[in-house]
Amino acid sequence: MKVERPFFYAVLAMLAWVPALSAQKSADLPVAPVPAQIAAARKVFVSNAGGESFENVMSQTVFSGGPDRAYNQCYAAMKELGRYELVSSPTDADLVLEVSSALADSGLSPGILGQLRLLVIDPKTHVTLWNFKEYVRGAMTLGNRDKNFDQAMTAIVNRMKILATPAPASAPR
């Protein structure tokens, strides 16, 4: 099939504009609001939604710390953050932070070993207000896998910290 040169150049020029148009559309999208409960919260309950036991998968320990590692790390990180009072009951909380961990599905990108998830839940309505997910990269040694787990947890906590920081009031015009 022979393609005429002017037609070929016209198609090529149109294709060159597609990324620019796509970028313009996403830049024009308004930023959706963060649920008000997240910025207003003072008390949180950290909930352990569970995790898989990472010991003895294929005759080796995948991550140290057992199935409660994500919960323990999240609880300690939220306490260290100092932004929230950690309460012992969801009925006393403004937000519930439900943390879980799992080994990665086989369909994920090679090199991904697990995932951490943090759901931000309104305890009054039980509605999920936000959902954070971070993937944990694999590594040959247990020490490096544990380091990757720590990095994924730090990323989730940092994202929560940014989300919970109220936006500065805009200057009057």
N, C-alpha and C. Protein backbone atom coordinates (compact mmCIF):
# COMPACT_ATOMS: atom_id res chain seq x y z
N MET A 1 0.84 -1.17 0.00
CA MET A 1 0.00 0.00 0.00
C MET A 1 0.89 1.23 0.00
N LYS A 2 0.65 2.10 -0.93
CA LYS A 2 1.44 3.31 -1.05
C LYS A 2 0.68 4.46 -0.42
N VAL A 3 1.36 5.21 0.47
CA VAL A 3 0.75 6.35 1.14
C VAL A 3 1.33 7.62 0.52
N GLU A 4 0.44 8.51 0.16
CA GLU A 4 0.88 9.79 -0.41
C GLU A 4 1.60 10.60 0.66
N ARG A 5 2.68 11.24 0.24
CA ARG A 5 3.52 12.01 1.17
C ARG A 5 2.74 13.12 1.90
N PRO A 6 1.94 13.97 1.23
CA PRO A 6 1.22 15.03 1.96
C PRO A 6 0.27 14.45 3.00
N PHE A 7 -0.41 13.35 2.65
CA PHE A 7 -1.32 12.72 3.60
C PHE A 7 -0.54 12.20 4.81
N PHE A 8 0.59 11.58 4.56
CA PHE A 8 1.43 11.04 5.62
C PHE A 8 1.85 12.16 6.58
N TYR A 9 2.29 13.29 6.05
CA TYR A 9 2.73 14.42 6.89
C TYR A 9 1.56 15.03 7.66
N ALA A 10 0.39 15.06 7.06
CA ALA A 10 -0.78 15.60 7.75
C ALA A 10 -1.14 14.72 8.95
N VAL A 11 -1.12 13.40 8.76
CA VAL A 11 -1.41 12.47 9.86
C VAL A 11 -0.36 12.60 10.94
N LEU A 12 0.89 12.68 10.55
CA LEU A 12 1.99 12.82 11.50
C LEU A 12 1.83 14.10 12.32
N ALA A 13 1.46 15.20 11.68
CA ALA A 13 1.26 16.47 12.38
C ALA A 13 0.11 16.37 13.38
N MET A 14 -0.99 15.70 12.98
CA MET A 14 -2.12 15.53 13.90
C MET A 14 -1.73 14.69 15.10
N LEU A 15 -0.97 13.64 14.88
CA LEU A 15 -0.54 12.79 16.00
C LEU A 15 0.38 13.54 16.96
N ALA A 16 1.15 14.48 16.45
CA ALA A 16 2.04 15.27 17.29
C ALA A 16 1.25 16.14 18.27
N TRP A 17 0.02 16.53 17.89
CA TRP A 17 -0.80 17.38 18.76
C TRP A 17 -1.53 16.59 19.83
N VAL A 18 -1.69 15.30 19.69
CA VAL A 18 -2.46 14.51 20.65
C VAL A 18 -1.92 14.63 22.07
N PRO A 19 -0.60 14.44 22.32
CA PRO A 19 -0.11 14.59 23.69
C PRO A 19 -0.35 15.99 24.25
N ALA A 20 -0.19 17.01 23.44
CA ALA A 20 -0.39 18.38 23.91
C ALA A 20 -1.85 18.60 24.30
N LEU A 21 -2.77 18.10 23.51
CA LEU A 21 -4.18 18.24 23.84
C LEU A 21 -4.53 17.46 25.09
N SER A 22 -3.99 16.28 25.25
CA SER A 22 -4.23 15.46 26.43
C SER A 22 -3.72 16.15 27.68
N ALA A 23 -2.53 16.72 27.63
CA ALA A 23 -1.95 17.42 28.77
C ALA A 23 -2.79 18.64 29.13
N GLN A 24 -3.28 19.32 28.12
CA GLN A 24 -4.08 20.50 28.37
C GLN A 24 -5.38 20.13 29.08
N LYS A 25 -6.02 19.05 28.69
CA LYS A 25 -7.26 18.63 29.32
C LYS A 25 -7.04 18.32 30.79
N SER A 26 -5.99 17.57 31.14
CA SER A 26 -5.76 17.21 32.53
C SER A 26 -5.35 18.43 33.35
N ALA A 27 -4.69 19.40 32.74
CA ALA A 27 -4.30 20.61 33.46
C ALA A 27 -5.52 21.48 33.75
N ASP A 28 -6.54 21.39 32.91
CA ASP A 28 -7.74 22.19 33.09
C ASP A 28 -8.71 21.60 34.11
N LEU A 29 -8.48 20.36 34.54
CA LEU A 29 -9.39 19.74 35.50
C LEU A 29 -9.30 20.44 36.84
N PRO A 30 -10.45 20.75 37.45
CA PRO A 30 -10.40 21.36 38.78
C PRO A 30 -9.96 20.30 39.80
N VAL A 31 -9.31 20.76 40.85
CA VAL A 31 -8.87 19.85 41.91
C VAL A 31 -10.07 19.55 42.80
N ALA A 32 -10.37 18.28 42.95
CA ALA A 32 -11.49 17.86 43.79
C ALA A 32 -11.13 18.10 45.26
N PRO A 33 -12.12 18.44 46.08
CA PRO A 33 -11.82 18.75 47.48
C PRO A 33 -11.49 17.49 48.28
N VAL A 34 -10.66 17.67 49.27
CA VAL A 34 -10.36 16.61 50.24
C VAL A 34 -11.51 16.64 51.25
N PRO A 35 -12.06 15.48 51.62
CA PRO A 35 -13.15 15.49 52.61
C PRO A 35 -12.75 16.27 53.86
N ALA A 36 -13.63 17.13 54.32
CA ALA A 36 -13.35 18.03 55.44
C ALA A 36 -12.97 17.27 56.72
N GLN A 37 -13.49 16.07 56.89
CA GLN A 37 -13.19 15.30 58.11
C GLN A 37 -11.70 15.02 58.25
N ILE A 38 -10.99 14.90 57.13
CA ILE A 38 -9.57 14.54 57.18
C ILE A 38 -8.75 15.68 57.78
N ALA A 39 -8.96 16.89 57.33
CA ALA A 39 -8.20 18.02 57.86
C ALA A 39 -8.65 18.39 59.27
N ALA A 40 -9.92 18.16 59.59
CA ALA A 40 -10.46 18.54 60.90
C ALA A 40 -10.14 17.53 62.00
N ALA A 41 -9.76 16.34 61.64
CA ALA A 41 -9.57 15.27 62.64
C ALA A 41 -8.49 15.60 63.65
N ARG A 42 -8.76 15.27 64.88
CA ARG A 42 -7.78 15.41 65.96
C ARG A 42 -7.48 14.07 66.61
N LYS A 43 -8.47 13.18 66.60
CA LYS A 43 -8.32 11.86 67.23
C LYS A 43 -8.48 10.78 66.17
N VAL A 44 -7.55 9.83 66.17
CA VAL A 44 -7.65 8.72 65.22
C VAL A 44 -7.52 7.39 65.94
N PHE A 45 -8.17 6.42 65.38
CA PHE A 45 -8.06 5.04 65.82
C PHE A 45 -7.36 4.28 64.68
N VAL A 46 -6.25 3.64 64.99
CA VAL A 46 -5.53 2.86 63.99
C VAL A 46 -6.04 1.43 64.09
N SER A 47 -6.57 0.94 62.98
CA SER A 47 -7.19 -0.38 62.93
C SER A 47 -6.30 -1.34 62.15
N ASN A 48 -6.16 -2.54 62.66
CA ASN A 48 -5.36 -3.57 62.00
C ASN A 48 -6.28 -4.43 61.14
N ALA A 49 -6.26 -4.19 59.83
CA ALA A 49 -7.08 -4.97 58.91
C ALA A 49 -6.38 -6.27 58.52
N GLY A 50 -5.23 -6.50 59.11
CA GLY A 50 -4.55 -7.77 58.90
C GLY A 50 -3.49 -7.74 57.84
N GLY A 51 -2.72 -8.77 57.89
CA GLY A 51 -1.66 -8.94 56.93
C GLY A 51 -1.34 -10.42 56.82
N GLU A 52 -0.69 -10.75 55.77
CA GLU A 52 -0.29 -12.14 55.59
C GLU A 52 0.94 -12.42 56.43
N SER A 53 1.06 -13.65 56.87
CA SER A 53 2.27 -14.04 57.55
C SER A 53 3.37 -14.16 56.51
N PHE A 54 4.41 -13.40 56.69
CA PHE A 54 5.47 -13.35 55.70
C PHE A 54 6.59 -14.33 55.97
N GLU A 55 6.45 -15.13 57.02
CA GLU A 55 7.49 -16.10 57.31
C GLU A 55 7.28 -17.36 56.48
N ASN A 56 8.35 -17.95 56.11
CA ASN A 56 8.37 -19.26 55.48
C ASN A 56 7.54 -19.38 54.21
N VAL A 57 7.63 -18.37 53.36
CA VAL A 57 7.05 -18.47 52.03
C VAL A 57 8.18 -19.00 51.15
N MET A 58 7.95 -20.14 50.56
CA MET A 58 8.96 -20.79 49.73
C MET A 58 10.27 -20.98 50.52
N SER A 59 10.13 -21.42 51.77
CA SER A 59 11.25 -21.75 52.65
C SER A 59 12.12 -20.56 53.04
N GLN A 60 11.60 -19.37 52.97
CA GLN A 60 12.37 -18.22 53.46
C GLN A 60 11.43 -17.16 54.01
N THR A 61 11.95 -16.31 54.87
CA THR A 61 11.19 -15.20 55.42
C THR A 61 11.15 -14.09 54.36
N VAL A 62 9.97 -13.65 54.01
CA VAL A 62 9.82 -12.61 53.00
C VAL A 62 10.11 -11.24 53.62
N PHE A 63 9.44 -10.92 54.73
CA PHE A 63 9.67 -9.71 55.50
C PHE A 63 9.70 -10.10 56.97
N SER A 64 10.49 -9.42 57.75
CA SER A 64 10.48 -9.70 59.19
C SER A 64 9.34 -8.94 59.84
N GLY A 65 8.99 -9.31 61.06
CA GLY A 65 7.98 -8.57 61.80
C GLY A 65 6.62 -9.22 61.85
N GLY A 66 6.42 -10.27 61.11
CA GLY A 66 5.15 -11.00 61.17
C GLY A 66 3.98 -10.27 60.54
N PRO A 67 2.78 -10.84 60.67
CA PRO A 67 1.60 -10.30 59.99
C PRO A 67 1.13 -8.95 60.56
N ASP A 68 1.60 -8.56 61.75
CA ASP A 68 1.18 -7.29 62.34
C ASP A 68 2.19 -6.17 62.10
N ARG A 69 3.19 -6.43 61.28
CA ARG A 69 4.24 -5.43 61.05
C ARG A 69 3.67 -4.11 60.52
N ALA A 70 2.80 -4.16 59.53
CA ALA A 70 2.24 -2.93 58.95
C ALA A 70 1.47 -2.14 60.00
N TYR A 71 0.68 -2.84 60.81
CA TYR A 71 -0.08 -2.19 61.88
C TYR A 71 0.86 -1.53 62.89
N ASN A 72 1.84 -2.29 63.35
CA ASN A 72 2.77 -1.76 64.35
C ASN A 72 3.53 -0.54 63.82
N GLN A 73 4.00 -0.62 62.58
CA GLN A 73 4.73 0.51 62.00
C GLN A 73 3.83 1.71 61.78
N CYS A 74 2.63 1.49 61.31
CA CYS A 74 1.70 2.60 61.06
C CYS A 74 1.34 3.27 62.39
N TYR A 75 1.05 2.48 63.39
CA TYR A 75 0.70 3.03 64.71
C TYR A 75 1.85 3.89 65.24
N ALA A 76 3.06 3.36 65.19
CA ALA A 76 4.23 4.10 65.68
C ALA A 76 4.45 5.37 64.87
N ALA A 77 4.28 5.31 63.55
CA ALA A 77 4.49 6.48 62.70
C ALA A 77 3.44 7.56 62.97
N MET A 78 2.20 7.17 63.18
CA MET A 78 1.15 8.14 63.48
C MET A 78 1.39 8.78 64.85
N LYS A 79 1.87 8.01 65.78
CA LYS A 79 2.20 8.55 67.10
C LYS A 79 3.35 9.54 66.99
N GLU A 80 4.37 9.17 66.24
CA GLU A 80 5.54 10.04 66.05
C GLU A 80 5.19 11.31 65.29
N LEU A 81 4.23 11.22 64.40
CA LEU A 81 3.80 12.39 63.62
C LEU A 81 3.34 13.51 64.54
N GLY A 82 2.71 13.16 65.65
CA GLY A 82 2.29 14.15 66.63
C GLY A 82 1.10 14.99 66.22
N ARG A 83 0.49 14.69 65.11
CA ARG A 83 -0.65 15.47 64.64
C ARG A 83 -1.95 15.00 65.28
N TYR A 84 -2.01 13.73 65.62
CA TYR A 84 -3.24 13.13 66.13
C TYR A 84 -3.06 12.59 67.54
N GLU A 85 -4.17 12.58 68.25
CA GLU A 85 -4.24 11.82 69.50
C GLU A 85 -4.72 10.43 69.10
N LEU A 86 -3.96 9.40 69.45
CA LEU A 86 -4.36 8.03 69.14
C LEU A 86 -5.27 7.53 70.23
N VAL A 87 -6.45 7.10 69.85
CA VAL A 87 -7.44 6.63 70.82
C VAL A 87 -7.60 5.12 70.71
N SER A 88 -8.13 4.52 71.78
CA SER A 88 -8.21 3.06 71.84
C SER A 88 -9.54 2.49 71.36
N SER A 89 -10.43 3.36 70.89
CA SER A 89 -11.73 2.89 70.40
C SER A 89 -12.17 3.71 69.20
N PRO A 90 -12.72 3.07 68.19
CA PRO A 90 -13.19 3.83 67.03
C PRO A 90 -14.34 4.78 67.37
N THR A 91 -15.08 4.49 68.43
CA THR A 91 -16.19 5.39 68.80
C THR A 91 -15.67 6.72 69.35
N ASP A 92 -14.42 6.76 69.81
CA ASP A 92 -13.83 8.00 70.32
C ASP A 92 -13.06 8.76 69.24
N ALA A 93 -13.02 8.24 68.03
CA ALA A 93 -12.16 8.78 66.97
C ALA A 93 -12.92 9.67 65.99
N ASP A 94 -12.18 10.62 65.43
CA ASP A 94 -12.69 11.43 64.32
C ASP A 94 -12.48 10.71 63.00
N LEU A 95 -11.42 9.88 62.94
CA LEU A 95 -11.10 9.07 61.76
C LEU A 95 -10.63 7.70 62.20
N VAL A 96 -10.88 6.71 61.37
CA VAL A 96 -10.28 5.38 61.54
C VAL A 96 -9.29 5.20 60.40
N LEU A 97 -8.06 4.83 60.77
CA LEU A 97 -7.02 4.53 59.78
C LEU A 97 -6.85 3.02 59.77
N GLU A 98 -7.32 2.39 58.72
CA GLU A 98 -7.29 0.93 58.61
C GLU A 98 -6.11 0.51 57.74
N VAL A 99 -5.14 -0.15 58.35
CA VAL A 99 -3.91 -0.52 57.64
C VAL A 99 -3.89 -2.03 57.40
N SER A 100 -3.38 -2.41 56.22
CA SER A 100 -3.25 -3.83 55.88
C SER A 100 -2.04 -4.04 54.98
N SER A 101 -1.62 -5.28 54.92
CA SER A 101 -0.50 -5.64 54.04
C SER A 101 -0.81 -6.98 53.39
N ALA A 102 -0.24 -7.18 52.23
CA ALA A 102 -0.46 -8.44 51.51
C ALA A 102 0.70 -8.67 50.55
N LEU A 103 0.93 -9.92 50.24
CA LEU A 103 1.88 -10.23 49.18
C LEU A 103 1.23 -9.81 47.88
N ALA A 104 2.04 -9.41 46.92
CA ALA A 104 1.52 -8.90 45.65
C ALA A 104 0.88 -10.01 44.84
N ASP A 105 -0.12 -9.61 44.07
CA ASP A 105 -0.72 -10.53 43.10
C ASP A 105 0.31 -10.83 42.02
N SER A 106 0.22 -11.99 41.46
CA SER A 106 1.20 -12.37 40.43
C SER A 106 1.07 -11.53 39.16
N GLY A 107 -0.06 -10.84 38.98
CA GLY A 107 -0.26 -10.04 37.79
C GLY A 107 0.43 -8.68 37.84
N LEU A 108 0.99 -8.32 38.99
CA LEU A 108 1.65 -7.03 39.10
C LEU A 108 3.00 -7.06 38.40
N SER A 109 3.56 -5.90 38.28
CA SER A 109 4.86 -5.74 37.64
C SER A 109 5.91 -6.61 38.30
N PRO A 110 6.79 -7.21 37.53
CA PRO A 110 7.88 -7.98 38.13
C PRO A 110 8.69 -7.08 39.05
N GLY A 111 9.13 -7.64 40.15
CA GLY A 111 9.90 -6.86 41.11
C GLY A 111 9.05 -6.34 42.25
N ILE A 112 7.73 -6.43 42.14
CA ILE A 112 6.83 -6.00 43.22
C ILE A 112 6.53 -7.23 44.06
N LEU A 113 6.83 -7.13 45.36
CA LEU A 113 6.69 -8.28 46.24
C LEU A 113 5.44 -8.20 47.12
N GLY A 114 5.05 -7.00 47.48
CA GLY A 114 3.90 -6.85 48.36
C GLY A 114 3.26 -5.50 48.20
N GLN A 115 2.21 -5.28 48.98
CA GLN A 115 1.55 -3.98 48.96
C GLN A 115 1.05 -3.64 50.36
N LEU A 116 1.08 -2.34 50.64
CA LEU A 116 0.55 -1.80 51.88
C LEU A 116 -0.64 -0.94 51.52
N ARG A 117 -1.66 -0.96 52.36
CA ARG A 117 -2.85 -0.16 52.09
C ARG A 117 -3.28 0.53 53.38
N LEU A 118 -3.66 1.80 53.24
CA LEU A 118 -4.21 2.56 54.36
C LEU A 118 -5.52 3.17 53.91
N LEU A 119 -6.61 2.77 54.55
CA LEU A 119 -7.92 3.34 54.28
C LEU A 119 -8.22 4.36 55.36
N VAL A 120 -8.71 5.52 54.96
CA VAL A 120 -9.14 6.55 55.90
C VAL A 120 -10.66 6.49 55.91
N ILE A 121 -11.21 6.15 57.07
CA ILE A 121 -12.65 5.86 57.19
C ILE A 121 -13.30 6.82 58.18
N ASP A 122 -14.48 7.30 57.82
CA ASP A 122 -15.29 8.10 58.75
C ASP A 122 -15.99 7.12 59.69
N PRO A 123 -15.69 7.16 60.99
CA PRO A 123 -16.28 6.17 61.90
C PRO A 123 -17.79 6.34 62.11
N LYS A 124 -18.31 7.52 61.81
CA LYS A 124 -19.74 7.75 61.99
C LYS A 124 -20.56 7.15 60.85
N THR A 125 -20.05 7.28 59.61
CA THR A 125 -20.80 6.79 58.45
C THR A 125 -20.23 5.51 57.87
N HIS A 126 -19.00 5.15 58.28
CA HIS A 126 -18.28 3.98 57.77
C HIS A 126 -17.93 4.12 56.28
N VAL A 127 -17.90 5.34 55.79
CA VAL A 127 -17.54 5.62 54.40
C VAL A 127 -16.03 5.76 54.31
N THR A 128 -15.44 5.12 53.30
CA THR A 128 -14.01 5.30 53.04
C THR A 128 -13.83 6.68 52.42
N LEU A 129 -13.05 7.52 53.11
CA LEU A 129 -12.81 8.88 52.64
C LEU A 129 -11.60 8.96 51.72
N TRP A 130 -10.63 8.07 51.94
CA TRP A 130 -9.42 8.08 51.12
C TRP A 130 -8.81 6.69 51.17
N ASN A 131 -8.04 6.37 50.14
CA ASN A 131 -7.41 5.05 50.04
C ASN A 131 -5.98 5.25 49.54
N PHE A 132 -5.02 4.85 50.36
CA PHE A 132 -3.61 4.91 49.96
C PHE A 132 -3.13 3.49 49.71
N LYS A 133 -2.33 3.32 48.67
CA LYS A 133 -1.73 2.01 48.40
C LYS A 133 -0.30 2.25 47.93
N GLU A 134 0.61 1.50 48.49
CA GLU A 134 2.02 1.55 48.08
C GLU A 134 2.49 0.13 47.84
N TYR A 135 3.28 -0.05 46.81
CA TYR A 135 3.84 -1.37 46.51
C TYR A 135 5.22 -1.49 47.13
N VAL A 136 5.53 -2.69 47.57
CA VAL A 136 6.82 -3.00 48.18
C VAL A 136 7.64 -3.77 47.16
N ARG A 137 8.79 -3.21 46.81
CA ARG A 137 9.66 -3.87 45.84
C ARG A 137 10.34 -5.08 46.48
N GLY A 138 10.63 -6.04 45.65
CA GLY A 138 11.35 -7.22 46.10
C GLY A 138 12.84 -6.95 46.14
N ALA A 139 13.56 -7.84 46.77
CA ALA A 139 15.02 -7.76 46.84
C ALA A 139 15.54 -9.15 47.17
N MET A 140 16.81 -9.34 46.92
CA MET A 140 17.41 -10.66 47.17
C MET A 140 17.56 -10.96 48.66
N THR A 141 17.93 -9.96 49.46
CA THR A 141 18.19 -10.22 50.88
C THR A 141 17.04 -9.73 51.74
N LEU A 142 16.87 -10.34 52.89
CA LEU A 142 15.82 -9.97 53.84
C LEU A 142 16.00 -8.52 54.29
N GLY A 143 17.23 -8.10 54.54
CA GLY A 143 17.47 -6.73 54.97
C GLY A 143 17.00 -5.71 53.96
N ASN A 144 17.24 -5.96 52.69
CA ASN A 144 16.79 -5.03 51.64
C ASN A 144 15.28 -5.10 51.44
N ARG A 145 14.69 -6.28 51.59
CA ARG A 145 13.22 -6.37 51.49
C ARG A 145 12.58 -5.59 52.64
N ASP A 146 13.16 -5.72 53.85
CA ASP A 146 12.65 -4.96 55.00
C ASP A 146 12.80 -3.46 54.78
N LYS A 147 13.90 -3.04 54.19
CA LYS A 147 14.13 -1.62 53.89
C LYS A 147 13.07 -1.14 52.90
N ASN A 148 12.75 -1.94 51.90
CA ASN A 148 11.73 -1.57 50.92
C ASN A 148 10.35 -1.48 51.56
N PHE A 149 10.07 -2.36 52.51
CA PHE A 149 8.81 -2.33 53.27
C PHE A 149 8.74 -1.00 54.03
N ASP A 150 9.84 -0.65 54.71
CA ASP A 150 9.89 0.59 55.48
C ASP A 150 9.67 1.80 54.57
N GLN A 151 10.27 1.80 53.40
CA GLN A 151 10.11 2.92 52.46
C GLN A 151 8.66 3.06 52.00
N ALA A 152 7.99 1.94 51.76
CA ALA A 152 6.59 1.98 51.34
C ALA A 152 5.72 2.53 52.46
N MET A 153 5.99 2.12 53.71
CA MET A 153 5.21 2.63 54.85
C MET A 153 5.46 4.12 55.03
N THR A 154 6.70 4.55 54.90
CA THR A 154 7.02 5.97 55.02
C THR A 154 6.29 6.78 53.96
N ALA A 155 6.22 6.25 52.75
CA ALA A 155 5.52 6.95 51.66
C ALA A 155 4.03 7.11 51.99
N ILE A 156 3.42 6.08 52.53
CA ILE A 156 1.99 6.17 52.89
C ILE A 156 1.78 7.21 54.00
N VAL A 157 2.61 7.15 55.02
CA VAL A 157 2.47 8.09 56.14
C VAL A 157 2.69 9.52 55.65
N ASN A 158 3.67 9.73 54.79
CA ASN A 158 3.92 11.08 54.26
C ASN A 158 2.75 11.57 53.41
N ARG A 159 2.16 10.68 52.63
CA ARG A 159 1.00 11.08 51.82
C ARG A 159 -0.18 11.44 52.71
N MET A 160 -0.36 10.68 53.80
CA MET A 160 -1.44 10.98 54.76
C MET A 160 -1.17 12.33 55.42
N LYS A 161 0.07 12.59 55.79
CA LYS A 161 0.43 13.85 56.43
C LYS A 161 0.11 15.03 55.51
N ILE A 162 0.48 14.92 54.24
CA ILE A 162 0.21 15.98 53.27
C ILE A 162 -1.29 16.17 53.08
N LEU A 163 -2.01 15.08 52.97
CA LEU A 163 -3.46 15.15 52.77
C LEU A 163 -4.15 15.82 53.96
N ALA A 164 -3.68 15.53 55.17
CA ALA A 164 -4.32 16.03 56.38
C ALA A 164 -3.94 17.46 56.73
N THR A 165 -2.96 18.01 56.02
CA THR A 165 -2.56 19.38 56.29
C THR A 165 -3.54 20.31 55.57
N PRO A 166 -4.23 21.14 56.34
CA PRO A 166 -5.20 22.04 55.69
C PRO A 166 -4.51 22.97 54.69
N ALA A 167 -5.17 23.19 53.59
CA ALA A 167 -4.64 24.10 52.57
C ALA A 167 -4.67 25.52 53.12
N PRO A 168 -3.65 26.31 52.84
CA PRO A 168 -3.66 27.70 53.31
C PRO A 168 -4.80 28.47 52.67
N ALA A 169 -5.35 29.37 53.44
CA ALA A 169 -6.44 30.18 52.90
C ALA A 169 -5.91 31.06 51.80
N SER A 170 -6.68 31.18 50.75
CA SER A 170 -6.22 32.01 49.62
C SER A 170 -6.29 33.48 50.01
N ALA A 171 -5.40 34.24 49.44
CA ALA A 171 -5.34 35.68 49.74
C ALA A 171 -6.57 36.38 49.18
N PRO A 172 -7.08 37.36 49.91
CA PRO A 172 -8.26 38.10 49.40
C PRO A 172 -7.88 38.89 48.16
N ARG A 173 -8.83 39.00 47.26
CA ARG A 173 -8.57 39.73 46.01
C ARG A 173 -9.06 41.13 46.10
